[in-house]
Every structure is written in structure tokens, then in C-alpha cells.
Amino acid sequence: MRELRAVLTEGSSSGGSLARVSAELRIAEADPGNRQLLLQQALEQLETARIEANRQVRHLSLGVSPVAPDKAAYPRAVENTALALLIFGGIYLMISLTLSILREQVTA
């Protein structure tokens, strides 16, 4: 009886004990089930990520492609320069007219 117990728990010269081999066998049998569960969870997360990516792509997609203009709309250098000259010219005329009126008032 002692010898049988020693073989079962301590092992023999050819390999490990029966208890150790049995424990390793149970772990090996449970490992594919765990791996299958992890694979299933990863596939579910992948599908969720694909759905979310498709949802975000809808917001980013263009309904109509933009059309490039033939010539640039801005900056309009010539038009802006002419407008600035007109505005400053108007200001100059108003100031000079005001000064000439004030000179007439002082001399009279």
C-alpha cells in the first residue's frame, strides 16, 4: 500500500507522479476552452469596433465632391488696393474740407 501511494504521489524514475500528470492533464484540457472563450470575446470586440468605425465613416463621407475653382477668389490684390485708396482718399477729402471750413470761420 505504501509503495502504491509513493508511486501515485512521489512519482517514479521514468516520469512524474500520477497526481502531477493528472493535474497537468486537467490544465491542458481546460486550456482550449479558455482559448476558445478568449477568441469569441475578441471576435465580438472586433465586430463592435467595425460597427463603430462604419458609423463614424458615415459622418466623414462627402455627399458631393468639391469642385476646384478656375481662378482663385481671394486674395483680390487689385480690388483691395483700389478700395483702400478710395477709402483713404475719402477720409483725406473730408479732413481737408473740414480744415478749409475752419480756416474760413477763423479768418472771417
Protein backbone atom coordinates (compact mmCIF):
# COMPACT_ATOMS: atom_id res chain seq x y z
CA MET A 1 0.00 0.00 0.00
CA ARG A 2 2.84 2.35 0.86
CA GLU A 3 4.56 1.62 -2.39
CA LEU A 4 1.40 2.30 -4.37
CA ARG A 5 0.88 5.59 -2.53
CA ALA A 6 4.50 6.57 -3.16
CA VAL A 7 4.14 5.82 -6.87
CA LEU A 8 0.94 7.90 -7.05
CA THR A 9 2.23 10.93 -5.15
CA GLU A 10 6.01 10.95 -5.48
CA GLY A 11 6.48 9.51 -8.92
CA SER A 12 8.91 7.07 -10.33
CA SER A 13 12.21 7.28 -12.14
CA SER A 14 10.53 7.16 -15.58
CA GLY A 15 8.32 10.25 -15.13
CA GLY A 16 6.39 12.47 -12.74
CA SER A 17 3.89 11.39 -10.17
CA LEU A 18 0.42 10.34 -11.18
CA ALA A 19 -1.06 13.31 -9.28
CA ARG A 20 1.16 15.76 -11.18
CA VAL A 21 0.38 14.15 -14.53
CA SER A 22 -3.33 14.21 -13.73
CA ALA A 23 -3.18 17.89 -12.75
CA GLU A 24 -1.30 18.79 -15.94
CA LEU A 25 -3.85 16.84 -17.96
CA ARG A 26 -6.75 18.78 -16.38
CA ILE A 27 -4.99 22.08 -17.09
CA ALA A 28 -4.33 21.02 -20.68
CA GLU A 29 -7.99 20.02 -21.11
CA ALA A 30 -9.21 23.35 -19.71
CA ASP A 31 -6.79 25.46 -21.77
CA PRO A 32 -8.53 25.00 -25.18
CA GLY A 33 -11.84 26.00 -23.60
CA ASN A 34 -10.27 29.17 -22.19
CA ARG A 35 -8.64 29.94 -25.53
CA GLN A 36 -11.95 29.43 -27.33
CA LEU A 37 -13.66 31.82 -24.90
CA LEU A 38 -10.93 34.44 -25.41
CA LEU A 39 -11.24 34.04 -29.18
CA GLN A 40 -15.02 34.53 -29.00
CA GLN A 41 -14.62 37.69 -26.91
CA ALA A 42 -12.00 39.05 -29.31
CA LEU A 43 -14.30 38.42 -32.29
CA GLU A 44 -17.17 40.22 -30.54
CA GLN A 45 -14.93 43.21 -29.81
CA LEU A 46 -13.75 43.23 -33.42
CA GLU A 47 -17.32 43.26 -34.71
CA THR A 48 -18.23 46.07 -32.29
CA ALA A 49 -15.22 48.09 -33.49
CA ARG A 50 -16.22 47.56 -37.15
CA ILE A 51 -19.76 48.75 -36.46
CA GLU A 52 -18.48 51.85 -34.67
CA ALA A 53 -15.99 52.57 -37.48
CA ASN A 54 -18.77 52.32 -40.09
CA ARG A 55 -20.93 54.66 -38.03
CA GLN A 56 -18.13 57.24 -37.88
CA VAL A 57 -17.36 56.90 -41.60
CA ARG A 58 -20.90 57.98 -42.40
CA HIS A 59 -20.25 61.30 -40.68
CA LEU A 60 -17.00 61.86 -42.54
CA SER A 61 -18.04 60.86 -46.05
CA LEU A 62 -18.72 63.56 -48.63
CA GLY A 63 -22.11 63.77 -50.28
CA VAL A 64 -20.74 65.66 -53.28
CA SER A 65 -17.11 66.02 -54.28
CA PRO A 66 -15.86 69.62 -54.18
CA VAL A 67 -15.19 71.35 -57.49
CA ALA A 68 -11.94 73.27 -57.79
CA PRO A 69 -12.42 76.90 -58.96
CA ASP A 70 -10.95 78.05 -62.27
CA LYS A 71 -9.24 81.02 -60.63
CA ALA A 72 -8.70 81.98 -57.03
CA ALA A 73 -11.47 84.03 -55.43
CA TYR A 74 -9.15 85.53 -52.80
CA PRO A 75 -6.92 87.43 -52.32
CA ARG A 76 -8.03 90.12 -54.75
CA ALA A 77 -4.97 92.36 -54.59
CA VAL A 78 -6.02 94.92 -57.22
CA GLU A 79 -9.58 95.30 -55.96
CA ASN A 80 -8.44 95.58 -52.33
CA THR A 81 -5.82 98.20 -53.23
CA ALA A 82 -8.35 100.28 -55.18
CA LEU A 83 -10.86 100.07 -52.32
CA ALA A 84 -8.22 101.15 -49.79
CA LEU A 85 -7.24 104.11 -51.99
CA LEU A 86 -10.90 105.18 -52.29
CA ILE A 87 -11.47 104.96 -48.54
CA PHE A 88 -8.28 106.86 -47.65
CA GLY A 89 -8.99 109.41 -50.39
CA GLY A 90 -12.48 109.98 -48.95
CA ILE A 91 -11.05 110.42 -45.47
CA TYR A 92 -8.44 112.88 -46.81
CA LEU A 93 -11.12 114.90 -48.62
CA MET A 94 -13.32 115.05 -45.51
CA ILE A 95 -10.42 116.21 -43.32
CA SER A 96 -9.20 118.80 -45.85
CA LEU A 97 -12.75 120.12 -46.35
CA THR A 98 -13.24 120.37 -42.59
CA LEU A 99 -9.93 122.24 -42.22
CA SER A 100 -10.74 124.67 -45.03
CA ILE A 101 -14.15 125.42 -43.46
CA LEU A 102 -12.50 126.02 -40.09
CA ARG A 103 -9.92 128.42 -41.71
CA GLU A 104 -12.72 130.40 -43.31
CA GLN A 105 -14.51 130.65 -39.98
CA VAL A 106 -11.36 131.86 -38.20
CA THR A 107 -10.47 134.48 -40.82
CA ALA A 108 -13.97 135.85 -41.11
